[in-house]
Amino acid sequence: MGRGRRAWPRHDVAVLLWRLCIEHRRSLAVLGWTLGGQP
């Protein structure tokens, strides 16, 4: 059962980086909207 996870260590890292990138982008977008998006 542990082989499945160890078979693709790079995949796990890629997913983590992708999620971090998406979260960072969302936070930056929210900050931009709150700073220069208020009427």
Protein backbone atom coordinates (compact mmCIF):
# COMPACT_ATOMS: atom_id res chain seq x y z
CA MET A 1 0.00 0.00 0.00
CA GLY A 2 2.91 2.36 0.73
CA ARG A 3 4.33 1.74 -2.74
CA GLY A 4 1.68 3.90 -4.41
CA ARG A 5 2.77 6.99 -2.52
CA ARG A 6 6.48 6.36 -2.97
CA ALA A 7 6.04 5.60 -6.67
CA TRP A 8 5.38 9.26 -7.51
CA PRO A 9 7.17 11.54 -5.01
CA ARG A 10 7.48 14.22 -7.67
CA HIS A 11 3.74 14.17 -8.29
CA ASP A 12 3.04 14.95 -4.63
CA VAL A 13 5.51 17.84 -4.70
CA ALA A 14 3.99 19.16 -7.94
CA VAL A 15 0.50 19.06 -6.43
CA LEU A 16 1.68 20.86 -3.30
CA LEU A 17 3.41 23.57 -5.35
CA TRP A 18 0.35 23.92 -7.60
CA ARG A 19 -1.98 24.32 -4.61
CA LEU A 20 0.36 26.85 -3.00
CA CYS A 21 0.55 28.80 -6.26
CA ILE A 22 -3.25 28.87 -6.61
CA GLU A 23 -3.71 29.93 -2.98
CA HIS A 24 -1.08 32.67 -3.32
CA ARG A 25 -2.73 33.94 -6.49
CA ARG A 26 -6.13 34.01 -4.82
CA SER A 27 -4.80 35.87 -1.78
CA LEU A 28 -3.02 38.38 -4.04
CA ALA A 29 -6.20 38.88 -6.08
CA VAL A 30 -8.26 39.45 -2.93
CA LEU A 31 -5.70 41.93 -1.60
CA GLY A 32 -5.67 43.78 -4.92
CA TRP A 33 -9.47 43.93 -4.97
CA THR A 34 -9.67 45.23 -1.40
CA LEU A 35 -6.90 47.79 -1.96
CA GLY A 36 -7.90 49.16 -5.37
CA GLY A 37 -11.29 47.57 -6.04
CA GLN A 38 -13.45 49.45 -3.56
CA PRO A 39 -15.81 52.03 -5.13
